Amino acid sequence: MPPAYKRVPAIDKCFAILDLLARTRDPMGISDISGRLDLNKSTVFNIVHTLSDLDVLDNQPDGKFAFGTRIYILGNIAGNRSELIRTAHPYLEMINAKTKLSAFLGIRSDRRSILIDKVDSAYGIKVSSEIGLRMPILAGPGIKAMLAQLTDGEIDDILARTQLKQYTPHTTTNKGAYKKEIRETRREGIVVDREEYIEGMISFAVPIKVRGRGLQAAIWAVGLTRQVPEASIPGITALLKKIAAEINTGAGEF
């Protein structure tokens, strides 16, 4: 267990403000931030001006705040260090271009998958999710592809702490059956989700290995079932398995 600590509320509020600015993408004033987050105006005033002094935020002439130079520098450094994203992103573009499906990259955090990159350019129909989205077990095939990289004992531990939720009539809620599907994903190198999480949606996921970090990742492609004729499924699965093989061959690089 992690050592006991006292959470710092000011940091929670600081990141809430940064997250709000990231999601709105437009400069915001103190009153707007205060109202959206239900925070005291004086608290917001002190936080945003401190962040402005640090160049994390830019105090604009109209009194509104936007991201400053320091956060872009930090973001650039973090992005350049993420070899996983840099390696996988061109493949997401390839999946999107060749299949017209939205392509995503995620990592596992205990019983959740976290979306860390995506390519969802519109080709008539666009299926999109926001980077940073956290999805529970059974929420799409990505987490199943990640769990397939664990040992049976690790899978048993996670399932013992999890109640499998019924999302659609096609959702597998029996733990024995769900573990069997994970083991099949491990054996086949791919998992296909036919309306198990959202009705009318089909998705494909492949495990991505991240060596030496105790981290499991996956790439998945998502679209409407009417976008994916049955005859096209073998081609999509072959493409994703080939991509996973290419990435995993060089997995030691990230």
Protein backbone atom coordinates (compact mmCIF):
# COMPACT_ATOMS: atom_id res chain seq x y z
CA MET A 1 0.00 0.00 0.00
CA PRO A 2 1.20 3.58 -0.65
CA PRO A 3 2.34 5.54 2.41
CA ALA A 4 -0.30 7.66 4.14
CA TYR A 5 -0.44 11.24 2.94
CA LYS A 6 -2.63 14.28 3.24
CA ARG A 7 -4.24 15.29 -0.04
CA VAL A 8 -3.72 18.95 -0.99
CA PRO A 9 -7.08 20.45 -2.04
CA ALA A 10 -5.43 23.42 -3.79
CA ILE A 11 -3.74 21.03 -6.25
CA ASP A 12 -7.07 19.35 -7.00
CA LYS A 13 -8.58 22.77 -7.75
CA CYS A 14 -5.57 23.77 -9.84
CA PHE A 15 -5.89 20.72 -12.07
CA ALA A 16 -9.65 21.15 -12.29
CA ILE A 17 -9.04 24.62 -13.73
CA LEU A 18 -6.42 23.35 -16.19
CA ASP A 19 -8.71 20.51 -17.26
CA LEU A 20 -11.59 22.94 -17.82
CA LEU A 21 -9.43 25.20 -19.99
CA ALA A 22 -8.24 22.19 -21.97
CA ARG A 23 -11.80 21.01 -22.60
CA THR A 24 -13.27 24.40 -23.50
CA ARG A 25 -10.24 25.38 -25.61
CA ASP A 26 -11.19 29.04 -25.26
CA PRO A 27 -9.82 31.66 -22.82
CA MET A 28 -11.96 32.01 -19.71
CA GLY A 29 -12.40 34.69 -17.07
CA ILE A 30 -12.39 34.19 -13.32
CA SER A 31 -16.19 34.41 -13.05
CA ASP A 32 -16.66 31.85 -15.82
CA ILE A 33 -14.20 29.41 -14.23
CA SER A 34 -15.73 29.94 -10.79
CA GLY A 35 -19.23 29.29 -12.07
CA ARG A 36 -18.35 26.22 -14.13
CA LEU A 37 -16.40 24.56 -11.31
CA ASP A 38 -18.46 25.88 -8.39
CA LEU A 39 -15.34 27.34 -6.78
CA ASN A 40 -15.02 30.53 -4.75
CA LYS A 41 -13.95 33.47 -6.92
CA SER A 42 -11.11 34.42 -4.58
CA THR A 43 -9.78 30.85 -4.78
CA VAL A 44 -9.87 30.91 -8.56
CA PHE A 45 -8.31 34.39 -8.58
CA ASN A 46 -5.33 33.26 -6.50
CA ILE A 47 -4.79 30.04 -8.42
CA VAL A 48 -4.95 31.49 -11.93
CA HIS A 49 -2.70 34.43 -11.07
CA THR A 50 -0.17 32.07 -9.49
CA LEU A 51 -0.26 29.94 -12.63
CA SER A 52 0.12 33.11 -14.68
CA ASP A 53 3.23 34.09 -12.70
CA LEU A 54 4.63 30.63 -13.52
CA ASP A 55 3.82 31.11 -17.24
CA VAL A 56 1.53 28.09 -17.08
CA LEU A 57 -1.36 30.41 -17.92
CA ASP A 58 -1.38 33.60 -19.95
CA ASN A 59 -3.29 36.56 -18.47
CA GLN A 60 -4.72 38.16 -21.60
CA PRO A 61 -5.61 41.86 -22.00
CA ASP A 62 -9.35 41.16 -21.70
CA GLY A 63 -8.83 39.58 -18.28
CA LYS A 64 -9.30 36.05 -19.51
CA PHE A 65 -6.82 33.21 -19.12
CA ALA A 66 -5.42 30.73 -21.62
CA PHE A 67 -2.55 28.28 -21.62
CA GLY A 68 0.86 29.94 -21.40
CA THR A 69 4.24 29.09 -22.87
CA ARG A 70 5.39 26.89 -20.00
CA ILE A 71 2.57 24.37 -20.34
CA TYR A 72 3.27 24.02 -24.06
CA ILE A 73 6.95 23.41 -23.33
CA LEU A 74 6.11 20.78 -20.73
CA GLY A 75 3.57 19.17 -23.05
CA ASN A 76 6.10 19.03 -25.86
CA ILE A 77 8.71 17.43 -23.61
CA ALA A 78 6.20 14.86 -22.34
CA GLY A 79 5.02 14.12 -25.87
CA ASN A 80 8.52 13.61 -27.20
CA ARG A 81 9.27 11.20 -24.38
CA SER A 82 6.24 9.09 -25.09
CA GLU A 83 7.77 6.58 -27.47
CA LEU A 84 4.62 4.48 -27.29
CA ILE A 85 2.48 7.28 -28.71
CA ARG A 86 5.10 8.30 -31.28
CA THR A 87 5.45 4.70 -32.44
CA ALA A 88 1.75 3.89 -32.53
CA HIS A 89 0.30 7.11 -33.96
CA PRO A 90 1.23 6.49 -37.62
CA TYR A 91 -0.45 3.11 -37.35
CA LEU A 92 -3.62 4.74 -36.00
CA GLU A 93 -3.57 6.96 -39.07
CA MET A 94 -3.12 3.91 -41.28
CA ILE A 95 -6.07 2.10 -39.68
CA ASN A 96 -8.28 5.16 -40.05
CA ALA A 97 -7.28 5.67 -43.69
CA LYS A 98 -7.63 2.04 -44.76
CA THR A 99 -10.75 1.04 -42.83
CA LYS A 100 -12.52 4.41 -42.35
CA LEU A 101 -12.92 3.39 -38.69
CA SER A 102 -11.86 5.49 -35.71
CA ALA A 103 -8.58 4.23 -34.23
CA PHE A 104 -7.51 4.49 -30.59
CA LEU A 105 -4.53 3.75 -28.37
CA GLY A 106 -5.00 3.04 -24.67
CA ILE A 107 -3.20 1.76 -21.61
CA ARG A 108 -4.43 -0.21 -18.60
CA SER A 109 -4.77 1.29 -15.12
CA ASP A 110 -5.88 -1.57 -12.86
CA ARG A 111 -9.46 -2.33 -13.96
CA ARG A 112 -9.77 0.53 -16.43
CA SER A 113 -8.41 1.45 -19.83
CA ILE A 114 -7.29 5.02 -20.43
CA LEU A 115 -7.43 6.51 -23.91
CA ILE A 116 -4.10 8.23 -24.67
CA ASP A 117 -4.19 8.82 -28.43
CA LYS A 118 -6.65 8.65 -31.31
CA VAL A 119 -7.22 9.28 -35.00
CA ASP A 120 -10.87 9.74 -35.87
CA SER A 121 -10.93 11.78 -39.06
CA ALA A 122 -14.42 11.81 -40.46
CA TYR A 123 -15.19 9.60 -43.44
CA GLY A 124 -18.91 10.21 -43.61
CA ILE A 125 -19.42 8.71 -40.13
CA LYS A 126 -17.21 9.54 -37.16
CA VAL A 127 -17.00 7.64 -33.86
CA SER A 128 -15.07 9.70 -31.34
CA SER A 129 -13.95 9.67 -27.69
CA GLU A 130 -11.88 12.20 -25.80
CA ILE A 131 -8.24 11.55 -24.93
CA GLY A 132 -8.04 10.85 -21.21
CA LEU A 133 -11.34 8.96 -21.19
CA ARG A 134 -11.34 6.15 -18.59
CA MET A 135 -13.35 3.06 -19.45
CA PRO A 136 -14.19 0.18 -17.11
CA ILE A 137 -13.88 -3.54 -17.74
CA LEU A 138 -16.28 -4.65 -20.50
CA ALA A 139 -16.28 -1.15 -22.00
CA GLY A 140 -15.07 -2.16 -25.42
CA PRO A 141 -12.41 -4.65 -26.52
CA GLY A 142 -9.35 -2.57 -25.60
CA ILE A 143 -9.30 -3.61 -21.95
CA LYS A 144 -9.76 -7.26 -22.95
CA ALA A 145 -6.68 -7.03 -25.19
CA MET A 146 -4.75 -5.50 -22.29
CA LEU A 147 -5.88 -8.15 -19.80
CA ALA A 148 -4.79 -10.83 -22.28
CA GLN A 149 -1.21 -9.80 -21.55
CA LEU A 150 -1.54 -10.73 -17.86
CA THR A 151 -1.16 -14.14 -16.25
CA ASP A 152 -4.24 -16.18 -15.42
CA GLY A 153 -3.64 -15.46 -11.72
CA GLU A 154 -3.56 -11.70 -12.33
CA ILE A 155 -6.75 -11.94 -14.37
CA ASP A 156 -8.43 -13.92 -11.57
CA ASP A 157 -7.45 -11.24 -9.04
CA ILE A 158 -8.95 -8.47 -11.17
CA LEU A 159 -12.16 -10.39 -11.86
CA ALA A 160 -12.53 -11.21 -8.15
CA ARG A 161 -12.67 -7.47 -7.46
CA THR A 162 -15.02 -6.70 -10.32
CA GLN A 163 -18.74 -6.96 -10.92
CA LEU A 164 -19.28 -7.36 -14.64
CA LYS A 165 -21.93 -4.90 -15.79
CA GLN A 166 -24.57 -5.66 -18.41
CA TYR A 167 -24.25 -2.93 -21.06
CA THR A 168 -26.18 -4.61 -23.89
CA PRO A 169 -27.93 -7.95 -24.45
CA HIS A 170 -24.62 -9.16 -25.95
CA THR A 171 -22.44 -8.34 -22.93
CA THR A 172 -20.66 -11.26 -21.26
CA THR A 173 -21.27 -11.00 -17.51
CA ASN A 174 -20.24 -14.53 -16.49
CA LYS A 175 -16.69 -14.29 -15.14
CA GLY A 176 -15.71 -17.75 -16.33
CA ALA A 177 -16.88 -16.95 -19.85
CA TYR A 178 -15.20 -13.55 -19.76
CA LYS A 179 -11.88 -15.11 -18.71
CA LYS A 180 -12.25 -17.62 -21.55
CA GLU A 181 -12.63 -14.71 -23.99
CA ILE A 182 -9.49 -13.08 -22.59
CA ARG A 183 -7.53 -16.30 -23.04
CA GLU A 184 -8.86 -16.60 -26.59
CA THR A 185 -7.68 -13.04 -27.24
CA ARG A 186 -4.23 -14.05 -25.96
CA ARG A 187 -4.20 -17.05 -28.29
CA GLU A 188 -5.59 -15.32 -31.39
CA GLY A 189 -3.86 -11.96 -30.93
CA ILE A 190 -7.08 -10.03 -31.55
CA VAL A 191 -10.56 -9.57 -30.10
CA VAL A 192 -13.72 -8.55 -31.96
CA ASP A 193 -16.51 -6.81 -30.02
CA ARG A 194 -19.91 -7.11 -31.68
CA GLU A 195 -22.27 -4.78 -29.81
CA GLU A 196 -21.02 -5.98 -26.42
CA TYR A 197 -20.56 -2.45 -25.07
CA ILE A 198 -22.75 -0.26 -27.29
CA GLU A 199 -25.53 -1.55 -29.50
CA GLY A 200 -24.95 -0.88 -33.18
CA MET A 201 -21.15 -0.72 -32.75
CA ILE A 202 -18.39 -3.12 -33.75
CA SER A 203 -14.77 -2.86 -32.68
CA PHE A 204 -11.48 -4.71 -32.99
CA ALA A 205 -8.54 -4.63 -30.57
CA VAL A 206 -4.99 -5.97 -30.54
CA PRO A 207 -2.57 -6.17 -27.59
CA ILE A 208 0.46 -3.87 -27.69
CA LYS A 209 3.47 -4.84 -25.56
CA VAL A 210 5.33 -2.23 -23.51
CA ARG A 211 8.34 -4.03 -22.15
CA GLY A 212 9.95 -3.33 -18.82
CA ARG A 213 7.29 -0.96 -17.48
CA GLY A 214 4.61 -3.25 -16.11
CA LEU A 215 2.25 -1.58 -18.55
CA GLN A 216 -0.28 -3.10 -20.94
CA ALA A 217 -1.51 -1.25 -24.01
CA ALA A 218 -3.86 -1.91 -26.90
CA ILE A 219 -4.91 -0.44 -30.22
CA TRP A 220 -8.56 -0.67 -31.21
CA ALA A 221 -10.70 0.36 -34.16
CA VAL A 222 -14.37 1.27 -33.79
CA GLY A 223 -17.27 1.86 -36.15
CA LEU A 224 -20.97 1.29 -36.70
CA THR A 225 -21.92 -2.25 -37.58
CA ARG A 226 -23.39 -1.04 -40.87
CA GLN A 227 -19.97 0.39 -41.74
CA VAL A 228 -18.40 -3.05 -41.51
CA PRO A 229 -19.81 -5.69 -43.86
CA GLU A 230 -19.11 -9.25 -42.74
CA ALA A 231 -16.88 -9.77 -45.77
CA SER A 232 -14.56 -6.96 -44.64
CA ILE A 233 -13.91 -8.37 -41.15
CA PRO A 234 -11.08 -10.77 -42.16
CA GLY A 235 -9.23 -7.91 -43.86
CA ILE A 236 -9.59 -5.62 -40.85
CA THR A 237 -8.44 -8.29 -38.42
CA ALA A 238 -5.46 -9.13 -40.64
CA LEU A 239 -4.48 -5.46 -40.82
CA LEU A 240 -4.63 -4.97 -37.05
CA LYS A 241 -2.74 -8.19 -36.32
CA LYS A 242 -0.03 -7.18 -38.79
CA ILE A 243 0.24 -3.76 -37.15
CA ALA A 244 0.47 -5.29 -33.69
CA ALA A 245 3.19 -7.67 -34.87
CA GLU A 246 5.20 -4.79 -36.35
CA ILE A 247 4.91 -2.68 -33.20
CA ASN A 248 5.55 -5.58 -30.83
CA THR A 249 8.63 -6.65 -32.74
CA GLY A 250 10.20 -3.35 -31.76
CA ALA A 251 8.52 -3.13 -28.36
CA GLY A 252 11.83 -2.86 -26.55
CA GLU A 253 12.17 0.68 -27.91
CA PHE A 254 9.43 2.10 -25.69
